[in-house]
Amino acid sequence: MDTIRVMNAYDVMGYSPPDTAGKYMSRLLIDGESVGSKNLVLNHFTLYPGESTYLGSHPAPFEEVYYVLHGVGVLLLGGAEGQRYAVGPHTVAYIPSGMLHQITNTGEKPLEMLTMMPFHPEPGANSLYDARKREWGTSFRLVGNAVSKADPGEPGGKQEIRKE
């Protein structure tokens, strides 16, 4: 198979761990298994209205960056007594390794963002990455011969798949 270098994000299968009850969807776009990246992980993350991620952190050297594409929310940095930041389109947040963080969608539409980390997460560094690898046996899946009904011009729709 040829190495993928360019793709539409909606051609990547979305993943939600079974225990999240559809609170969010993650499309892992760039890592070693998707495009052969040696030092970069890029994820397209959708958090549905009224939902929050769990409060967590990543060990060194796993820093993280959020870039909000669509939607609004509140980013908590530093745990329950930490600082809260309003986020919306074009907000960029840097999250140092070891810092507790959580994001909540406070809007009526899905909050979509890109999340970026250096390196490929080691087991235990990112629970979402770990869950996907356990369930799928890989970090990356294309939709295959399925076509996403999600229109790239209409961000935030829950992924619906139909076979061609």
C-alpha atoms as a PDB file:
ATOM      1  CA  MET A   1       0.000   0.000   0.000  1.00  0.00           C
ATOM      2  CA  ASP A   2       1.246   3.496  -0.816  1.00  0.00           C
ATOM      3  CA  THR A   3       1.991   5.817   2.073  1.00  0.00           C
ATOM      4  CA  ILE A   4      -0.844   8.260   2.652  1.00  0.00           C
ATOM      5  CA  ARG A   5       0.324  11.878   2.637  1.00  0.00           C
ATOM      6  CA  VAL A   6      -2.903  13.818   1.964  1.00  0.00           C
ATOM      7  CA  MET A   7      -6.435  12.906   3.050  1.00  0.00           C
ATOM      8  CA  ASN A   8      -9.820  14.329   3.958  1.00  0.00           C
ATOM      9  CA  ALA A   9     -10.353  14.163   7.730  1.00  0.00           C
ATOM     10  CA  TYR A  10     -13.838  12.722   7.172  1.00  0.00           C
ATOM     11  CA  ASP A  11     -12.283   9.734   5.362  1.00  0.00           C
ATOM     12  CA  VAL A  12     -10.759   8.703   8.701  1.00  0.00           C
ATOM     13  CA  MET A  13     -12.955   6.545  10.898  1.00  0.00           C
ATOM     14  CA  GLY A  14     -14.064   8.243  14.078  1.00  0.00           C
ATOM     15  CA  TYR A  15     -13.551   6.507  17.405  1.00  0.00           C
ATOM     16  CA  SER A  16     -15.403   6.811  20.709  1.00  0.00           C
ATOM     17  CA  PRO A  17     -14.481   4.483  23.580  1.00  0.00           C
ATOM     18  CA  PRO A  18     -17.421   2.300  24.631  1.00  0.00           C
ATOM     19  CA  ASP A  19     -17.520   3.861  28.115  1.00  0.00           C
ATOM     20  CA  THR A  20     -17.999   7.429  26.822  1.00  0.00           C
ATOM     21  CA  ALA A  21     -21.571   6.906  25.601  1.00  0.00           C
ATOM     22  CA  GLY A  22     -21.094   9.089  22.525  1.00  0.00           C
ATOM     23  CA  LYS A  23     -19.781  12.154  24.366  1.00  0.00           C
ATOM     24  CA  TYR A  24     -17.077  12.697  21.783  1.00  0.00           C
ATOM     25  CA  MET A  25     -15.436  11.368  18.634  1.00  0.00           C
ATOM     26  CA  SER A  26     -11.766  11.239  17.784  1.00  0.00           C
ATOM     27  CA  ARG A  27     -10.247  10.906  14.318  1.00  0.00           C
ATOM     28  CA  LEU A  28      -6.524  10.224  14.574  1.00  0.00           C
ATOM     29  CA  LEU A  29      -5.189  11.838  11.399  1.00  0.00           C
ATOM     30  CA  ILE A  30      -1.425  11.765  11.681  1.00  0.00           C
ATOM     31  CA  ASP A  31       0.826   9.331  13.532  1.00  0.00           C
ATOM     32  CA  GLY A  32       3.210   6.521  12.685  1.00  0.00           C
ATOM     33  CA  GLU A  33       0.462   4.125  11.612  1.00  0.00           C
ATOM     34  CA  SER A  34      -1.445   6.615   9.455  1.00  0.00           C
ATOM     35  CA  VAL A  35       1.213   8.475   7.476  1.00  0.00           C
ATOM     36  CA  GLY A  36       4.487   7.205   8.908  1.00  0.00           C
ATOM     37  CA  SER A  37       5.119  10.240  11.112  1.00  0.00           C
ATOM     38  CA  LYS A  38       8.026   9.708  13.463  1.00  0.00           C
ATOM     39  CA  ASN A  39       7.530  12.700  15.751  1.00  0.00           C
ATOM     40  CA  LEU A  40       4.015  14.101  15.457  1.00  0.00           C
ATOM     41  CA  VAL A  41       0.458  13.125  16.373  1.00  0.00           C
ATOM     42  CA  LEU A  42      -2.535  15.110  15.065  1.00  0.00           C
ATOM     43  CA  ASN A  43      -6.095  14.332  16.087  1.00  0.00           C
ATOM     44  CA  HIS A  44      -9.430  15.822  14.968  1.00  0.00           C
ATOM     45  CA  PHE A  45     -11.569  15.830  18.119  1.00  0.00           C
ATOM     46  CA  THR A  46     -15.315  16.520  18.334  1.00  0.00           C
ATOM     47  CA  LEU A  47     -16.955  17.130  21.730  1.00  0.00           C
ATOM     48  CA  TYR A  48     -20.749  17.133  21.650  1.00  0.00           C
ATOM     49  CA  PRO A  49     -22.920  19.837  23.306  1.00  0.00           C
ATOM     50  CA  GLY A  50     -23.028  19.760  27.101  1.00  0.00           C
ATOM     51  CA  GLU A  51     -20.241  17.165  27.349  1.00  0.00           C
ATOM     52  CA  SER A  52     -16.811  17.302  29.004  1.00  0.00           C
ATOM     53  CA  THR A  53     -13.631  15.316  28.681  1.00  0.00           C
ATOM     54  CA  TYR A  54     -12.342  13.688  31.832  1.00  0.00           C
ATOM     55  CA  LEU A  55      -9.861  15.637  33.981  1.00  0.00           C
ATOM     56  CA  GLY A  56      -6.431  14.239  33.149  1.00  0.00           C
ATOM     57  CA  SER A  57      -2.815  14.938  32.292  1.00  0.00           C
ATOM     58  CA  HIS A  58      -0.041  13.469  30.153  1.00  0.00           C
ATOM     59  CA  PRO A  59       3.421  12.545  31.484  1.00  0.00           C
ATOM     60  CA  ALA A  60       6.615  14.175  30.181  1.00  0.00           C
ATOM     61  CA  PRO A  61       7.530  14.630  27.388  1.00  0.00           C
ATOM     62  CA  PHE A  62       3.928  14.647  26.104  1.00  0.00           C
ATOM     63  CA  GLU A  63       2.916  18.285  25.807  1.00  0.00           C
ATOM     64  CA  GLU A  64      -0.319  19.015  23.960  1.00  0.00           C
ATOM     65  CA  VAL A  65      -1.765  21.811  21.835  1.00  0.00           C
ATOM     66  CA  TYR A  66      -5.460  22.471  21.180  1.00  0.00           C
ATOM     67  CA  TYR A  67      -6.609  24.515  18.191  1.00  0.00           C
ATOM     68  CA  VAL A  68     -10.375  25.116  18.206  1.00  0.00           C
ATOM     69  CA  LEU A  69     -11.996  25.001  14.766  1.00  0.00           C
ATOM     70  CA  HIS A  70     -15.718  25.364  15.602  1.00  0.00           C
ATOM     71  CA  GLY A  71     -17.912  25.655  18.668  1.00  0.00           C
ATOM     72  CA  VAL A  72     -17.442  27.163  22.114  1.00  0.00           C
ATOM     73  CA  GLY A  73     -16.447  25.855  25.482  1.00  0.00           C
ATOM     74  CA  VAL A  74     -14.441  26.258  28.649  1.00  0.00           C
ATOM     75  CA  LEU A  75     -10.930  24.882  29.072  1.00  0.00           C
ATOM     76  CA  LEU A  76      -9.823  24.142  32.624  1.00  0.00           C
ATOM     77  CA  LEU A  77      -6.058  24.126  33.173  1.00  0.00           C
ATOM     78  CA  GLY A  78      -4.567  23.082  36.504  1.00  0.00           C
ATOM     79  CA  GLY A  79      -7.327  21.015  38.107  1.00  0.00           C
ATOM     80  CA  ALA A  80     -10.386  22.039  40.112  1.00  0.00           C
ATOM     81  CA  GLU A  81      -8.617  25.103  41.533  1.00  0.00           C
ATOM     82  CA  GLY A  82      -7.004  25.955  38.198  1.00  0.00           C
ATOM     83  CA  GLN A  83      -7.847  28.620  35.651  1.00  0.00           C
ATOM     84  CA  ARG A  84     -10.838  28.488  33.319  1.00  0.00           C
ATOM     85  CA  TYR A  85     -10.577  29.920  29.815  1.00  0.00           C
ATOM     86  CA  ALA A  86     -13.379  30.593  27.344  1.00  0.00           C
ATOM     87  CA  VAL A  87     -12.493  28.981  24.008  1.00  0.00           C
ATOM     88  CA  GLY A  88     -13.962  29.341  20.548  1.00  0.00           C
ATOM     89  CA  PRO A  89     -12.903  29.326  16.905  1.00  0.00           C
ATOM     90  CA  HIS A  90      -9.204  30.020  16.444  1.00  0.00           C
ATOM     91  CA  THR A  91      -8.356  29.666  20.150  1.00  0.00           C
ATOM     92  CA  VAL A  92      -4.970  28.014  20.645  1.00  0.00           C
ATOM     93  CA  ALA A  93      -4.011  26.454  23.982  1.00  0.00           C
ATOM     94  CA  TYR A  94      -0.676  25.000  25.072  1.00  0.00           C
ATOM     95  CA  ILE A  95      -0.874  22.299  27.745  1.00  0.00           C
ATOM     96  CA  PRO A  96       2.457  21.404  29.375  1.00  0.00           C
ATOM     97  CA  SER A  97       3.134  17.788  30.301  1.00  0.00           C
ATOM     98  CA  GLY A  98       1.856  16.956  33.782  1.00  0.00           C
ATOM     99  CA  MET A  99      -0.812  19.695  33.761  1.00  0.00           C
ATOM    100  CA  LEU A 100      -4.352  18.601  34.613  1.00  0.00           C
ATOM    101  CA  HIS A 101      -6.787  19.713  31.925  1.00  0.00           C
ATOM    102  CA  GLN A 102     -10.417  19.309  30.900  1.00  0.00           C
ATOM    103  CA  ILE A 103     -12.556  20.870  28.204  1.00  0.00           C
ATOM    104  CA  THR A 104     -16.338  21.326  28.295  1.00  0.00           C
ATOM    105  CA  ASN A 105     -18.595  22.146  25.366  1.00  0.00           C
ATOM    106  CA  THR A 106     -20.848  24.967  26.602  1.00  0.00           C
ATOM    107  CA  GLY A 107     -22.480  25.600  23.227  1.00  0.00           C
ATOM    108  CA  GLU A 108     -25.406  24.183  21.312  1.00  0.00           C
ATOM    109  CA  LYS A 109     -23.247  22.799  18.493  1.00  0.00           C
ATOM    110  CA  PRO A 110     -20.334  20.355  18.519  1.00  0.00           C
ATOM    111  CA  LEU A 111     -16.970  21.764  19.554  1.00  0.00           C
ATOM    112  CA  GLU A 112     -14.341  20.664  17.036  1.00  0.00           C
ATOM    113  CA  MET A 113     -10.630  21.038  17.519  1.00  0.00           C
ATOM    114  CA  LEU A 114      -7.283  19.735  16.448  1.00  0.00           C
ATOM    115  CA  THR A 115      -5.121  18.269  19.192  1.00  0.00           C
ATOM    116  CA  MET A 116      -1.411  17.886  18.635  1.00  0.00           C
ATOM    117  CA  MET A 117       1.298  16.057  20.569  1.00  0.00           C
ATOM    118  CA  PRO A 118       4.960  15.455  19.895  1.00  0.00           C
ATOM    119  CA  PHE A 119       5.947  11.815  19.591  1.00  0.00           C
ATOM    120  CA  HIS A 120       3.685   8.777  19.631  1.00  0.00           C
ATOM    121  CA  PRO A 121       2.095   8.241  23.015  1.00  0.00           C
ATOM    122  CA  GLU A 122       3.628   5.479  25.071  1.00  0.00           C
ATOM    123  CA  PRO A 123       1.119   3.212  26.815  1.00  0.00           C
ATOM    124  CA  GLY A 124      -0.423   5.179  29.676  1.00  0.00           C
ATOM    125  CA  ALA A 125       0.392   8.614  28.232  1.00  0.00           C
ATOM    126  CA  ASN A 126      -3.004   9.118  26.529  1.00  0.00           C
ATOM    127  CA  SER A 127      -6.007   7.014  27.546  1.00  0.00           C
ATOM    128  CA  LEU A 128      -7.933   7.705  24.316  1.00  0.00           C
ATOM    129  CA  TYR A 129      -4.989   6.565  22.179  1.00  0.00           C
ATOM    130  CA  ASP A 130      -4.606   3.471  24.405  1.00  0.00           C
ATOM    131  CA  ALA A 131      -8.332   2.585  24.164  1.00  0.00           C
ATOM    132  CA  ARG A 132      -8.323   2.896  20.365  1.00  0.00           C
ATOM    133  CA  LYS A 133      -5.241   0.659  20.066  1.00  0.00           C
ATOM    134  CA  ARG A 134      -6.764  -1.952  22.409  1.00  0.00           C
ATOM    135  CA  GLU A 135     -10.103  -2.036  20.606  1.00  0.00           C
ATOM    136  CA  TRP A 136      -8.925  -1.722  16.991  1.00  0.00           C
ATOM    137  CA  GLY A 137      -5.420  -3.188  17.207  1.00  0.00           C
ATOM    138  CA  THR A 138      -4.228  -0.043  15.420  1.00  0.00           C
ATOM    139  CA  SER A 139      -4.422   3.720  15.919  1.00  0.00           C
ATOM    140  CA  PHE A 140      -5.737   4.523  12.436  1.00  0.00           C
ATOM    141  CA  ARG A 141      -8.538   3.324  10.175  1.00  0.00           C
ATOM    142  CA  LEU A 142      -9.886   4.738   6.978  1.00  0.00           C
ATOM    143  CA  VAL A 143     -13.615   4.535   6.455  1.00  0.00           C
ATOM    144  CA  GLY A 144     -12.793   2.167   3.567  1.00  0.00           C
ATOM    145  CA  ASN A 145     -15.406   1.820   0.875  1.00  0.00           C
ATOM    146  CA  ALA A 146     -17.846   3.660   3.112  1.00  0.00           C
ATOM    147  CA  VAL A 147     -18.748   7.266   2.416  1.00  0.00           C
ATOM    148  CA  SER A 148     -19.171   9.729   5.256  1.00  0.00           C
ATOM    149  CA  LYS A 149     -22.417  11.708   5.124  1.00  0.00           C
ATOM    150  CA  ALA A 150     -20.674  14.397   7.154  1.00  0.00           C
ATOM    151  CA  ASP A 151     -20.129  17.296   4.779  1.00  0.00           C
ATOM    152  CA  PRO A 152     -16.692  18.895   5.285  1.00  0.00           C
ATOM    153  CA  GLY A 153     -18.485  22.217   4.767  1.00  0.00           C
ATOM    154  CA  GLU A 154     -20.832  21.390   7.655  1.00  0.00           C
ATOM    155  CA  PRO A 155     -18.512  20.665  10.575  1.00  0.00           C
ATOM    156  CA  GLY A 156     -19.672  18.984  13.706  1.00  0.00           C
ATOM    157  CA  GLY A 157     -22.170  16.481  12.373  1.00  0.00           C
ATOM    158  CA  LYS A 158     -22.076  13.079  14.009  1.00  0.00           C
ATOM    159  CA  GLN A 159     -20.438  10.658  11.610  1.00  0.00           C
ATOM    160  CA  GLU A 160     -22.922   8.565   9.685  1.00  0.00           C
ATOM    161  CA  ILE A 161     -21.602   5.898   7.375  1.00  0.00           C
ATOM    162  CA  ARG A 162     -23.180   4.126   4.445  1.00  0.00           C
ATOM    163  CA  LYS A 163     -21.633   1.435   2.266  1.00  0.00           C
ATOM    164  CA  GLU A 164     -21.310   2.113  -1.438  1.00  0.00           C
END
